[in-house]
Amino acid sequence: MIKITEFAAQKIKEVLKAQNKEDALLRLYLAGVGCGGPNFGMTLDESKTDEDILDQEHGVSVIIDKKLTNYLEGAVIDYVESENGGGFEIRTPKADNGGSCGDGCCSSCGGGC
């Protein structure tokens, strides 16, 4: 379901070790919905609930609320470095990349939310 690049998995393991939470789970959650569709965030969680699905990739355990699986199917977690530093990125192929003229929300023609 969720893909994690090997580089992102390595960075996640570094974070877990630095925080003495090697047994923690990586939780993906809905951080909000914007003009480009849903935005997702990540946090560390100590336990899985009955509403969660557990997935593992490159030795990293990821939990997702069952309600979000449709949005996160095929998502990729990567770690991207730039001259300003680095950070995790969640790419979701099923997210709506809207924002065209006349859509009524944050369009390139001056629409506002």
PDB file of N, CA and C in Angstrom:
ATOM      1  N   MET A   1       0.819  -1.192   0.000  1.00  0.00           N
ATOM      2  CA  MET A   1       0.000   0.000   0.000  1.00  0.00           C
ATOM      3  C   MET A   1       0.864   1.258   0.000  1.00  0.00           C
ATOM      4  N   ILE A   2       1.686   1.456   1.019  1.00  0.00           N
ATOM      5  CA  ILE A   2       2.570   2.617   1.115  1.00  0.00           C
ATOM      6  C   ILE A   2       3.976   2.190   0.712  1.00  0.00           C
ATOM      7  N   LYS A   3       4.595   2.981  -0.102  1.00  0.00           N
ATOM      8  CA  LYS A   3       5.984   2.730  -0.472  1.00  0.00           C
ATOM      9  C   LYS A   3       6.859   3.718   0.295  1.00  0.00           C
ATOM     10  N   ILE A   4       7.973   3.246   0.805  1.00  0.00           N
ATOM     11  CA  ILE A   4       8.962   4.095   1.462  1.00  0.00           C
ATOM     12  C   ILE A   4      10.270   3.867   0.736  1.00  0.00           C
ATOM     13  N   THR A   5      10.880   4.942   0.271  1.00  0.00           N
ATOM     14  CA  THR A   5      12.169   4.759  -0.389  1.00  0.00           C
ATOM     15  C   THR A   5      13.182   4.278   0.647  1.00  0.00           C
ATOM     16  N   GLU A   6      14.219   3.615   0.185  1.00  0.00           N
ATOM     17  CA  GLU A   6      15.246   3.124   1.106  1.00  0.00           C
ATOM     18  C   GLU A   6      15.901   4.280   1.860  1.00  0.00           C
ATOM     19  N   PHE A   7      16.102   5.411   1.165  1.00  0.00           N
ATOM     20  CA  PHE A   7      16.724   6.569   1.805  1.00  0.00           C
ATOM     21  C   PHE A   7      15.811   7.138   2.896  1.00  0.00           C
ATOM     22  N   ALA A   8      14.503   7.217   2.612  1.00  0.00           N
ATOM     23  CA  ALA A   8      13.554   7.700   3.624  1.00  0.00           C
ATOM     24  C   ALA A   8      13.507   6.748   4.810  1.00  0.00           C
ATOM     25  N   ALA A   9      13.515   5.441   4.551  1.00  0.00           N
ATOM     26  CA  ALA A   9      13.505   4.460   5.641  1.00  0.00           C
ATOM     27  C   ALA A   9      14.731   4.629   6.527  1.00  0.00           C
ATOM     28  N   GLN A  10      15.879   4.853   5.910  1.00  0.00           N
ATOM     29  CA  GLN A  10      17.111   5.080   6.675  1.00  0.00           C
ATOM     30  C   GLN A  10      16.965   6.322   7.556  1.00  0.00           C
ATOM     31  N   LYS A  11      16.410   7.396   7.000  1.00  0.00           N
ATOM     32  CA  LYS A  11      16.245   8.639   7.762  1.00  0.00           C
ATOM     33  C   LYS A  11      15.222   8.463   8.881  1.00  0.00           C
ATOM     34  N   ILE A  12      14.158   7.715   8.621  1.00  0.00           N
ATOM     35  CA  ILE A  12      13.157   7.456   9.660  1.00  0.00           C
ATOM     36  C   ILE A  12      13.791   6.682  10.811  1.00  0.00           C
ATOM     37  N   LYS A  13      14.594   5.676  10.487  1.00  0.00           N
ATOM     38  CA  LYS A  13      15.275   4.895  11.524  1.00  0.00           C
ATOM     39  C   LYS A  13      16.231   5.768  12.330  1.00  0.00           C
ATOM     40  N   GLU A  14      16.880   6.724  11.678  1.00  0.00           N
ATOM     41  CA  GLU A  14      17.759   7.666  12.389  1.00  0.00           C
ATOM     42  C   GLU A  14      16.956   8.505  13.378  1.00  0.00           C
ATOM     43  N   VAL A  15      15.781   8.963  12.964  1.00  0.00           N
ATOM     44  CA  VAL A  15      14.915   9.757  13.850  1.00  0.00           C
ATOM     45  C   VAL A  15      14.471   8.907  15.032  1.00  0.00           C
ATOM     46  N   LEU A  16      14.039   7.681  14.757  1.00  0.00           N
ATOM     47  CA  LEU A  16      13.599   6.789  15.838  1.00  0.00           C
ATOM     48  C   LEU A  16      14.715   6.550  16.849  1.00  0.00           C
ATOM     49  N   LYS A  17      15.920   6.322  16.353  1.00  0.00           N
ATOM     50  CA  LYS A  17      17.055   6.080  17.244  1.00  0.00           C
ATOM     51  C   LYS A  17      17.403   7.327  18.042  1.00  0.00           C
ATOM     52  N   ALA A  18      17.415   8.486  17.394  1.00  0.00           N
ATOM     53  CA  ALA A  18      17.759   9.741  18.066  1.00  0.00           C
ATOM     54  C   ALA A  18      16.766  10.067  19.183  1.00  0.00           C
ATOM     55  N   GLN A  19      15.510   9.643  19.015  1.00  0.00           N
ATOM     56  CA  GLN A  19      14.482   9.921  20.027  1.00  0.00           C
ATOM     57  C   GLN A  19      14.267   8.735  20.971  1.00  0.00           C
ATOM     58  N   ASN A  20      15.145   7.733  20.903  1.00  0.00           N
ATOM     59  CA  ASN A  20      15.008   6.519  21.724  1.00  0.00           C
ATOM     60  C   ASN A  20      13.630   5.888  21.583  1.00  0.00           C
ATOM     61  N   LYS A  21      13.137   5.828  20.340  1.00  0.00           N
ATOM     62  CA  LYS A  21      11.819   5.261  20.075  1.00  0.00           C
ATOM     63  C   LYS A  21      11.901   4.234  18.947  1.00  0.00           C
ATOM     64  N   GLU A  22      12.892   3.362  19.009  1.00  0.00           N
ATOM     65  CA  GLU A  22      13.082   2.379  17.947  1.00  0.00           C
ATOM     66  C   GLU A  22      11.859   1.493  17.723  1.00  0.00           C
ATOM     67  N   ASP A  23      11.012   1.337  18.734  1.00  0.00           N
ATOM     68  CA  ASP A  23       9.823   0.487  18.604  1.00  0.00           C
ATOM     69  C   ASP A  23       8.579   1.264  18.179  1.00  0.00           C
ATOM     70  N   ALA A  24       8.704   2.569  17.996  1.00  0.00           N
ATOM     71  CA  ALA A  24       7.545   3.390  17.631  1.00  0.00           C
ATOM     72  C   ALA A  24       7.120   3.098  16.193  1.00  0.00           C
ATOM     73  N   LEU A  25       5.880   3.415  15.927  1.00  0.00           N
ATOM     74  CA  LEU A  25       5.293   3.254  14.600  1.00  0.00           C
ATOM     75  C   LEU A  25       5.194   4.626  13.939  1.00  0.00           C
ATOM     76  N   LEU A  26       5.326   4.644  12.642  1.00  0.00           N
ATOM     77  CA  LEU A  26       5.160   5.883  11.893  1.00  0.00           C
ATOM     78  C   LEU A  26       3.698   5.986  11.493  1.00  0.00           C
ATOM     79  N   ARG A  27       3.004   7.021  11.987  1.00  0.00           N
ATOM     80  CA  ARG A  27       1.589   7.209  11.672  1.00  0.00           C
ATOM     81  C   ARG A  27       1.444   8.277  10.589  1.00  0.00           C
ATOM     82  N   LEU A  28       0.703   7.942   9.530  1.00  0.00           N
ATOM     83  CA  LEU A  28       0.319   8.924   8.524  1.00  0.00           C
ATOM     84  C   LEU A  28      -1.082   9.399   8.880  1.00  0.00           C
ATOM     85  N   TYR A  29      -1.297  10.707   8.818  1.00  0.00           N
ATOM     86  CA  TYR A  29      -2.597  11.251   9.186  1.00  0.00           C
ATOM     87  C   TYR A  29      -2.990  12.366   8.225  1.00  0.00           C
ATOM     88  N   LEU A  30      -4.277  12.652   8.183  1.00  0.00           N
ATOM     89  CA  LEU A  30      -4.795  13.734   7.363  1.00  0.00           C
ATOM     90  C   LEU A  30      -4.506  15.044   8.075  1.00  0.00           C
ATOM     91  N   ALA A  31      -3.684  15.883   7.455  1.00  0.00           N
ATOM     92  CA  ALA A  31      -3.290  17.150   8.075  1.00  0.00           C
ATOM     93  C   ALA A  31      -4.198  18.294   7.644  1.00  0.00           C
ATOM     94  N   GLY A  32      -5.038  18.068   6.672  1.00  0.00           N
ATOM     95  CA  GLY A  32      -5.954  19.091   6.186  1.00  0.00           C
ATOM     96  C   GLY A  32      -6.247  18.871   4.719  1.00  0.00           C
ATOM     97  N   VAL A  33      -7.196  19.639   4.225  1.00  0.00           N
ATOM     98  CA  VAL A  33      -7.547  19.560   2.822  1.00  0.00           C
ATOM     99  C   VAL A  33      -7.405  20.946   2.228  1.00  0.00           C
ATOM    100  N   GLY A  34      -6.595  21.039   1.197  1.00  0.00           N
ATOM    101  CA  GLY A  34      -6.385  22.314   0.532  1.00  0.00           C
ATOM    102  C   GLY A  34      -6.872  22.247  -0.897  1.00  0.00           C
ATOM    103  N   CYS A  35      -6.519  23.238  -1.659  1.00  0.00           N
ATOM    104  CA  CYS A  35      -6.962  23.313  -3.050  1.00  0.00           C
ATOM    105  C   CYS A  35      -6.392  22.199  -3.906  1.00  0.00           C
ATOM    106  N   GLY A  36      -5.260  21.651  -3.505  1.00  0.00           N
ATOM    107  CA  GLY A  36      -4.664  20.554  -4.261  1.00  0.00           C
ATOM    108  C   GLY A  36      -5.119  19.200  -3.770  1.00  0.00           C
ATOM    109  N   GLY A  37      -6.074  19.164  -2.864  1.00  0.00           N
ATOM    110  CA  GLY A  37      -6.568  17.912  -2.316  1.00  0.00           C
ATOM    111  C   GLY A  37      -6.090  17.722  -0.895  1.00  0.00           C
ATOM    112  N   PRO A  38      -6.150  16.491  -0.405  1.00  0.00           N
ATOM    113  CA  PRO A  38      -5.762  16.229   0.982  1.00  0.00           C
ATOM    114  C   PRO A  38      -4.251  16.368   1.180  1.00  0.00           C
ATOM    115  N   ASN A  39      -3.886  16.859   2.358  1.00  0.00           N
ATOM    116  CA  ASN A  39      -2.481  16.959   2.760  1.00  0.00           C
ATOM    117  C   ASN A  39      -2.271  16.019   3.936  1.00  0.00           C
ATOM    118  N   PHE A  40      -1.175  15.275   3.876  1.00  0.00           N
ATOM    119  CA  PHE A  40      -0.913  14.287   4.910  1.00  0.00           C
ATOM    120  C   PHE A  40       0.332  14.638   5.698  1.00  0.00           C
ATOM    121  N   GLY A  41       0.329  14.244   6.969  1.00  0.00           N
ATOM    122  CA  GLY A  41       1.472  14.447   7.836  1.00  0.00           C
ATOM    123  C   GLY A  41       1.907  13.119   8.428  1.00  0.00           C
ATOM    124  N   MET A  42       3.021  13.171   9.146  1.00  0.00           N
ATOM    125  CA  MET A  42       3.565  11.977   9.792  1.00  0.00           C
ATOM    126  C   MET A  42       3.908  12.312  11.233  1.00  0.00           C
ATOM    127  N   THR A  43       3.742  11.328  12.087  1.00  0.00           N
ATOM    128  CA  THR A  43       4.135  11.457  13.479  1.00  0.00           C
ATOM    129  C   THR A  43       4.506  10.073  13.991  1.00  0.00           C
ATOM    130  N   LEU A  44       5.131  10.032  15.137  1.00  0.00           N
ATOM    131  CA  LEU A  44       5.461   8.749  15.765  1.00  0.00           C
ATOM    132  C   LEU A  44       4.351   8.394  16.736  1.00  0.00           C
ATOM    133  N   ASP A  45       4.007   7.127  16.773  1.00  0.00           N
ATOM    134  CA  ASP A  45       2.927   6.660  17.637  1.00  0.00           C
ATOM    135  C   ASP A  45       3.413   5.397  18.335  1.00  0.00           C
ATOM    136  N   GLU A  46       2.989   5.205  19.549  1.00  0.00           N
ATOM    137  CA  GLU A  46       3.419   4.053  20.341  1.00  0.00           C
ATOM    138  C   GLU A  46       2.571   2.812  20.098  1.00  0.00           C
ATOM    139  N   SER A  47       1.341   2.997  19.590  1.00  0.00           N
ATOM    140  CA  SER A  47       0.477   1.825  19.450  1.00  0.00           C
ATOM    141  C   SER A  47      -0.469   1.962  18.266  1.00  0.00           C
ATOM    142  N   LYS A  48      -0.974   0.831  17.850  1.00  0.00           N
ATOM    143  CA  LYS A  48      -1.931   0.711  16.757  1.00  0.00           C
ATOM    144  C   LYS A  48      -3.314   0.515  17.363  1.00  0.00           C
ATOM    145  N   THR A  49      -4.332   1.095  16.737  1.00  0.00           N
ATOM    146  CA  THR A  49      -5.709   0.895  17.201  1.00  0.00           C
ATOM    147  C   THR A  49      -6.413  -0.083  16.271  1.00  0.00           C
ATOM    148  N   ASP A  50      -7.634  -0.456  16.634  1.00  0.00           N
ATOM    149  CA  ASP A  50      -8.434  -1.349  15.794  1.00  0.00           C
ATOM    150  C   ASP A  50      -8.820  -0.684  14.476  1.00  0.00           C
ATOM    151  N   GLU A  51      -8.752   0.635  14.425  1.00  0.00           N
ATOM    152  CA  GLU A  51      -9.109   1.383  13.217  1.00  0.00           C
ATOM    153  C   GLU A  51      -7.929   1.562  12.267  1.00  0.00           C
ATOM    154  N   ASP A  52      -6.771   1.033  12.636  1.00  0.00           N
ATOM    155  CA  ASP A  52      -5.558   1.221  11.842  1.00  0.00           C
ATOM    156  C   ASP A  52      -5.210   0.003  11.004  1.00  0.00           C
ATOM    157  N   ILE A  53      -4.535   0.276   9.920  1.00  0.00           N
ATOM    158  CA  ILE A  53      -3.924  -0.760   9.091  1.00  0.00           C
ATOM    159  C   ILE A  53      -2.420  -0.621   9.254  1.00  0.00           C
ATOM    160  N   LEU A  54      -1.752  -1.733   9.437  1.00  0.00           N
ATOM    161  CA  LEU A  54      -0.297  -1.748   9.609  1.00  0.00           C
ATOM    162  C   LEU A  54       0.352  -2.180   8.298  1.00  0.00           C
ATOM    163  N   ASP A  55       1.347  -1.440   7.884  1.00  0.00           N
ATOM    164  CA  ASP A  55       2.106  -1.761   6.682  1.00  0.00           C
ATOM    165  C   ASP A  55       3.580  -1.656   7.052  1.00  0.00           C
ATOM    166  N   GLN A  56       4.434  -2.428   6.392  1.00  0.00           N
ATOM    167  CA  GLN A  56       5.865  -2.358   6.660  1.00  0.00           C
ATOM    168  C   GLN A  56       6.634  -2.271   5.355  1.00  0.00           C
ATOM    169  N   GLU A  57       7.664  -1.459   5.371  1.00  0.00           N
ATOM    170  CA  GLU A  57       8.509  -1.279   4.193  1.00  0.00           C
ATOM    171  C   GLU A  57       9.917  -0.965   4.669  1.00  0.00           C
ATOM    172  N   HIS A  58      10.906  -1.723   4.225  1.00  0.00           N
ATOM    173  CA  HIS A  58      12.317  -1.514   4.571  1.00  0.00           C
ATOM    174  C   HIS A  58      12.535  -1.438   6.083  1.00  0.00           C
ATOM    175  N   GLY A  59      11.793  -2.244   6.830  1.00  0.00           N
ATOM    176  CA  GLY A  59      11.973  -2.298   8.270  1.00  0.00           C
ATOM    177  C   GLY A  59      11.302  -1.178   9.048  1.00  0.00           C
ATOM    178  N   VAL A  60      10.464  -0.380   8.385  1.00  0.00           N
ATOM    179  CA  VAL A  60       9.731   0.696   9.047  1.00  0.00           C
ATOM    180  C   VAL A  60       8.252   0.308   9.084  1.00  0.00           C
ATOM    181  N   SER A  61       7.650   0.375  10.269  1.00  0.00           N
ATOM    182  CA  SER A  61       6.229   0.059  10.428  1.00  0.00           C
ATOM    183  C   SER A  61       5.415   1.343  10.316  1.00  0.00           C
ATOM    184  N   VAL A  62       4.423   1.302   9.423  1.00  0.00           N
ATOM    185  CA  VAL A  62       3.575   2.466   9.163  1.00  0.00           C
ATOM    186  C   VAL A  62       2.144   2.097   9.511  1.00  0.00           C
ATOM    187  N   ILE A  63       1.451   3.003  10.216  1.00  0.00           N
ATOM    188  CA  ILE A  63       0.036   2.788  10.506  1.00  0.00           C
ATOM    189  C   ILE A  63      -0.784   3.915   9.888  1.00  0.00           C
ATOM    190  N   ILE A  64      -1.960   3.504   9.407  1.00  0.00           N
ATOM    191  CA  ILE A  64      -2.862   4.436   8.741  1.00  0.00           C
ATOM    192  C   ILE A  64      -4.281   4.110   9.179  1.00  0.00           C
ATOM    193  N   ASP A  65      -5.060   5.127   9.471  1.00  0.00           N
ATOM    194  CA  ASP A  65      -6.472   4.922   9.771  1.00  0.00           C
ATOM    195  C   ASP A  65      -7.139   4.315   8.534  1.00  0.00           C
ATOM    196  N   LYS A  66      -7.976   3.301   8.734  1.00  0.00           N
ATOM    197  CA  LYS A  66      -8.637   2.605   7.624  1.00  0.00           C
ATOM    198  C   LYS A  66      -9.389   3.571   6.711  1.00  0.00           C
ATOM    199  N   LYS A  67      -9.895   4.671   7.274  1.00  0.00           N
ATOM    200  CA  LYS A  67     -10.662   5.641   6.482  1.00  0.00           C
ATOM    201  C   LYS A  67      -9.797   6.361   5.446  1.00  0.00           C
ATOM    202  N   LEU A  68      -8.484   6.351   5.625  1.00  0.00           N
ATOM    203  CA  LEU A  68      -7.586   7.080   4.729  1.00  0.00           C
ATOM    204  C   LEU A  68      -6.950   6.196   3.658  1.00  0.00           C
ATOM    205  N   THR A  69      -7.202   4.892   3.715  1.00  0.00           N
ATOM    206  CA  THR A  69      -6.504   3.995   2.792  1.00  0.00           C
ATOM    207  C   THR A  69      -6.777   4.323   1.332  1.00  0.00           C
ATOM    208  N   ASN A  70      -7.987   4.740   1.006  1.00  0.00           N
ATOM    209  CA  ASN A  70      -8.291   5.071  -0.386  1.00  0.00           C
ATOM    210  C   ASN A  70      -7.421   6.224  -0.887  1.00  0.00           C
ATOM    211  N   TYR A  71      -7.178   7.207  -0.034  1.00  0.00           N
ATOM    212  CA  TYR A  71      -6.367   8.367  -0.414  1.00  0.00           C
ATOM    213  C   TYR A  71      -4.880   8.039  -0.490  1.00  0.00           C
ATOM    214  N   LEU A  72      -4.441   7.090   0.322  1.00  0.00           N
ATOM    215  CA  LEU A  72      -3.012   6.811   0.431  1.00  0.00           C
ATOM    216  C   LEU A  72      -2.551   5.593  -0.374  1.00  0.00           C
ATOM    217  N   GLU A  73      -3.464   4.952  -1.080  1.00  0.00           N
ATOM    218  CA  GLU A  73      -3.078   3.815  -1.916  1.00  0.00           C
ATOM    219  C   GLU A  73      -2.042   4.271  -2.943  1.00  0.00           C
ATOM    220  N   GLY A  74      -0.879   3.621  -2.933  1.00  0.00           N
ATOM    221  CA  GLY A  74       0.180   3.970  -3.871  1.00  0.00           C
ATOM    222  C   GLY A  74       1.030   5.162  -3.461  1.00  0.00           C
ATOM    223  N   ALA A  75       0.824   5.679  -2.248  1.00  0.00           N
ATOM    224  CA  ALA A  75       1.612   6.825  -1.777  1.00  0.00           C
ATOM    225  C   ALA A  75       3.073   6.424  -1.595  1.00  0.00           C
ATOM    226  N   VAL A  76       3.941   7.397  -1.750  1.00  0.00           N
ATOM    227  CA  VAL A  76       5.378   7.179  -1.591  1.00  0.00           C
ATOM    228  C   VAL A  76       5.909   8.182  -0.566  1.00  0.00           C
ATOM    229  N   ILE A  77       6.623   7.678   0.431  1.00  0.00           N
ATOM    230  CA  ILE A  77       7.307   8.532   1.391  1.00  0.00           C
ATOM    231  C   ILE A  77       8.763   8.581   0.968  1.00  0.00           C
ATOM    232  N   ASP A  78       9.282   9.776   0.807  1.00  0.00           N
ATOM    233  CA  ASP A  78      10.664   9.954   0.392  1.00  0.00           C
ATOM    234  C   ASP A  78      11.306  10.992   1.302  1.00  0.00           C
ATOM    235  N   TYR A  79      12.613  11.022   1.297  1.00  0.00           N
ATOM    236  CA  TYR A  79      13.365  12.057   2.006  1.00  0.00           C
ATOM    237  C   TYR A  79      14.094  12.844   0.932  1.00  0.00           C
ATOM    238  N   VAL A  80      13.862  14.152   0.924  1.00  0.00           N
ATOM    239  CA  VAL A  80      14.404  15.013  -0.118  1.00  0.00           C
ATOM    240  C   VAL A  80      15.370  15.999   0.513  1.00  0.00           C
ATOM    241  N   GLU A  81      16.556  16.077  -0.046  1.00  0.00           N
ATOM    242  CA  GLU A  81      17.551  17.034   0.426  1.00  0.00           C
ATOM    243  C   GLU A  81      17.670  18.175  -0.577  1.00  0.00           C
ATOM    244  N   SER A  82      17.853  19.378  -0.033  1.00  0.00           N
ATOM    245  CA  SER A  82      18.075  20.552  -0.876  1.00  0.00           C
ATOM    246  C   SER A  82      19.134  21.414  -0.205  1.00  0.00           C
ATOM    247  N   GLU A  83      19.470  22.511  -0.827  1.00  0.00           N
ATOM    248  CA  GLU A  83      20.484  23.387  -0.232  1.00  0.00           C
ATOM    249  C   GLU A  83      19.988  24.033   1.057  1.00  0.00           C
ATOM    250  N   ASN A  84      18.689  24.015   1.307  1.00  0.00           N
ATOM    251  CA  ASN A  84      18.125  24.564   2.538  1.00  0.00           C
ATOM    252  C   ASN A  84      17.945  23.512   3.628  1.00  0.00           C
ATOM    253  N   GLY A  85      18.349  22.296   3.363  1.00  0.00           N
ATOM    254  CA  GLY A  85      18.188  21.224   4.343  1.00  0.00           C
ATOM    255  C   GLY A  85      17.466  20.051   3.719  1.00  0.00           C
ATOM    256  N   GLY A  86      16.796  19.276   4.518  1.00  0.00           N
ATOM    257  CA  GLY A  86      16.095  18.109   4.015  1.00  0.00           C
ATOM    258  C   GLY A  86      14.815  17.881   4.775  1.00  0.00           C
ATOM    259  N   GLY A  87      13.976  17.035   4.217  1.00  0.00           N
ATOM    260  CA  GLY A  87      12.732  16.722   4.889  1.00  0.00           C
ATOM    261  C   GLY A  87      11.990  15.603   4.181  1.00  0.00           C
ATOM    262  N   PHE A  88      11.005  15.097   4.867  1.00  0.00           N
ATOM    263  CA  PHE A  88      10.199  14.024   4.322  1.00  0.00           C
ATOM    264  C   PHE A  88       9.123  14.591   3.416  1.00  0.00           C
ATOM    265  N   GLU A  89       8.775  13.794   2.414  1.00  0.00           N
ATOM    266  CA  GLU A  89       7.765  14.187   1.447  1.00  0.00           C
ATOM    267  C   GLU A  89       6.840  12.991   1.248  1.00  0.00           C
ATOM    268  N   ILE A  90       5.544  13.248   1.254  1.00  0.00           N
ATOM    269  CA  ILE A  90       4.558  12.211   0.997  1.00  0.00           C
ATOM    270  C   ILE A  90       3.910  12.535  -0.342  1.00  0.00           C
ATOM    271  N   ARG A  91       4.145  11.689  -1.333  1.00  0.00           N
ATOM    272  CA  ARG A  91       3.529  11.876  -2.652  1.00  0.00           C
ATOM    273  C   ARG A  91       2.342  10.923  -2.750  1.00  0.00           C
ATOM    274  N   THR A  92       1.187  11.477  -3.062  1.00  0.00           N
ATOM    275  CA  THR A  92      -0.024  10.678  -3.148  1.00  0.00           C
ATOM    276  C   THR A  92      -0.596  10.762  -4.555  1.00  0.00           C
ATOM    277  N   PRO A  93      -0.498   9.687  -5.325  1.00  0.00           N
ATOM    278  CA  PRO A  93      -0.965   9.718  -6.712  1.00  0.00           C
ATOM    279  C   PRO A  93      -2.463   9.905  -6.863  1.00  0.00           C
ATOM    280  N   LYS A  94      -3.223   9.563  -5.843  1.00  0.00           N
ATOM    281  CA  LYS A  94      -4.675   9.693  -5.942  1.00  0.00           C
ATOM    282  C   LYS A  94      -5.172  11.059  -5.489  1.00  0.00           C
ATOM    283  N   ALA A  95      -4.273  11.912  -4.985  1.00  0.00           N
ATOM    284  CA  ALA A  95      -4.696  13.240  -4.541  1.00  0.00           C
ATOM    285  C   ALA A  95      -5.082  14.074  -5.739  1.00  0.00           C
ATOM    286  N   ASP A  96      -6.099  14.884  -5.557  1.00  0.00           N
ATOM    287  CA  ASP A  96      -6.556  15.777  -6.620  1.00  0.00           C
ATOM    288  C   ASP A  96      -5.585  16.933  -6.736  1.00  0.00           C
ATOM    289  N   ASN A  97      -5.024  17.129  -7.895  1.00  0.00           N
ATOM    290  CA  ASN A  97      -4.120  18.246  -8.129  1.00  0.00           C
ATOM    291  C   ASN A  97      -4.853  19.388  -8.806  1.00  0.00           C
ATOM    292  N   GLY A  98      -6.056  19.662  -8.352  1.00  0.00           N
ATOM    293  CA  GLY A  98      -6.948  20.656  -8.954  1.00  0.00           C
ATOM    294  C   GLY A  98      -6.356  22.041  -9.014  1.00  0.00           C
ATOM    295  N   GLY A  99      -7.187  22.999  -9.276  1.00  0.00           N
ATOM    296  CA  GLY A  99      -6.742  24.378  -9.347  1.00  0.00           C
ATOM    297  C   GLY A  99      -6.811  24.919 -10.759  1.00  0.00           C
ATOM    298  N   SER A 100      -7.942  24.710 -11.423  1.00  0.00           N
ATOM    299  CA  SER A 100      -8.085  25.255 -12.762  1.00  0.00           C
ATOM    300  C   SER A 100      -9.117  26.360 -12.758  1.00  0.00           C
ATOM    301  N   CYS A 101      -9.163  27.131 -13.847  1.00  0.00           N
ATOM    302  CA  CYS A 101     -10.105  28.249 -13.940  1.00  0.00           C
ATOM    303  C   CYS A 101     -11.532  27.772 -13.728  1.00  0.00           C
ATOM    304  N   GLY A 102     -12.235  28.501 -12.890  1.00  0.00           N
ATOM    305  CA  GLY A 102     -13.639  28.223 -12.688  1.00  0.00           C
ATOM    306  C   GLY A 102     -13.937  27.183 -11.635  1.00  0.00           C
ATOM    307  N   ASP A 103     -12.954  26.662 -10.978  1.00  0.00           N
ATOM    308  CA  ASP A 103     -13.235  25.633  -9.977  1.00  0.00           C
ATOM    309  C   ASP A 103     -13.708  26.238  -8.669  1.00  0.00           C
ATOM    310  N   GLY A 104     -13.591  27.550  -8.546  1.00  0.00           N
ATOM    311  CA  GLY A 104     -14.131  28.220  -7.372  1.00  0.00           C
ATOM    312  C   GLY A 104     -13.227  28.235  -6.157  1.00  0.00           C
ATOM    313  N   CYS A 105     -12.063  27.626  -6.202  1.00  0.00           N
ATOM    314  CA  CYS A 105     -11.210  27.607  -5.034  1.00  0.00           C
ATOM    315  C   CYS A 105      -9.748  27.669  -5.437  1.00  0.00           C
ATOM    316  N   CYS A 106      -9.105  28.760  -5.140  1.00  0.00           N
ATOM    317  CA  CYS A 106      -7.663  28.918  -5.346  1.00  0.00           C
ATOM    318  C   CYS A 106      -7.246  28.644  -6.778  1.00  0.00           C
ATOM    319  N   SER A 107      -8.078  28.983  -7.721  1.00  0.00           N
ATOM    320  CA  SER A 107      -7.705  28.739  -9.116  1.00  0.00           C
ATOM    321  C   SER A 107      -6.630  29.712  -9.556  1.00  0.00           C
ATOM    322  N   SER A 108      -5.990  29.392 -10.637  1.00  0.00           N
ATOM    323  CA  SER A 108      -4.944  30.247 -11.161  1.00  0.00           C
ATOM    324  C   SER A 108      -5.506  31.540 -11.731  1.00  0.00           C
ATOM    325  N   CYS A 109      -6.835  31.670 -11.750  1.00  0.00           N
ATOM    326  CA  CYS A 109      -7.461  32.877 -12.291  1.00  0.00           C
ATOM    327  C   CYS A 109      -7.898  33.821 -11.170  1.00  0.00           C
ATOM    328  N   GLY A 110      -7.356  33.660  -9.997  1.00  0.00           N
ATOM    329  CA  GLY A 110      -7.624  34.586  -8.902  1.00  0.00           C
ATOM    330  C   GLY A 110      -8.652  34.115  -7.902  1.00  0.00           C
ATOM    331  N   GLY A 111      -9.086  32.885  -7.988  1.00  0.00           N
ATOM    332  CA  GLY A 111     -10.042  32.378  -7.015  1.00  0.00           C
ATOM    333  C   GLY A 111      -9.422  32.302  -5.639  1.00  0.00           C
ATOM    334  N   GLY A 112     -10.226  32.381  -4.606  1.00  0.00           N
ATOM    335  CA  GLY A 112      -9.710  32.305  -3.238  1.00  0.00           C
ATOM    336  C   GLY A 112     -10.508  31.326  -2.429  1.00  0.00           C
ATOM    337  N   CYS A 113      -9.886  30.781  -1.412  1.00  0.00           N
ATOM    338  CA  CYS A 113     -10.576  29.831  -0.534  1.00  0.00           C
ATOM    339  C   CYS A 113     -11.249  30.586   0.575  1.00  0.00           C
TER     340      CYS A 113
END
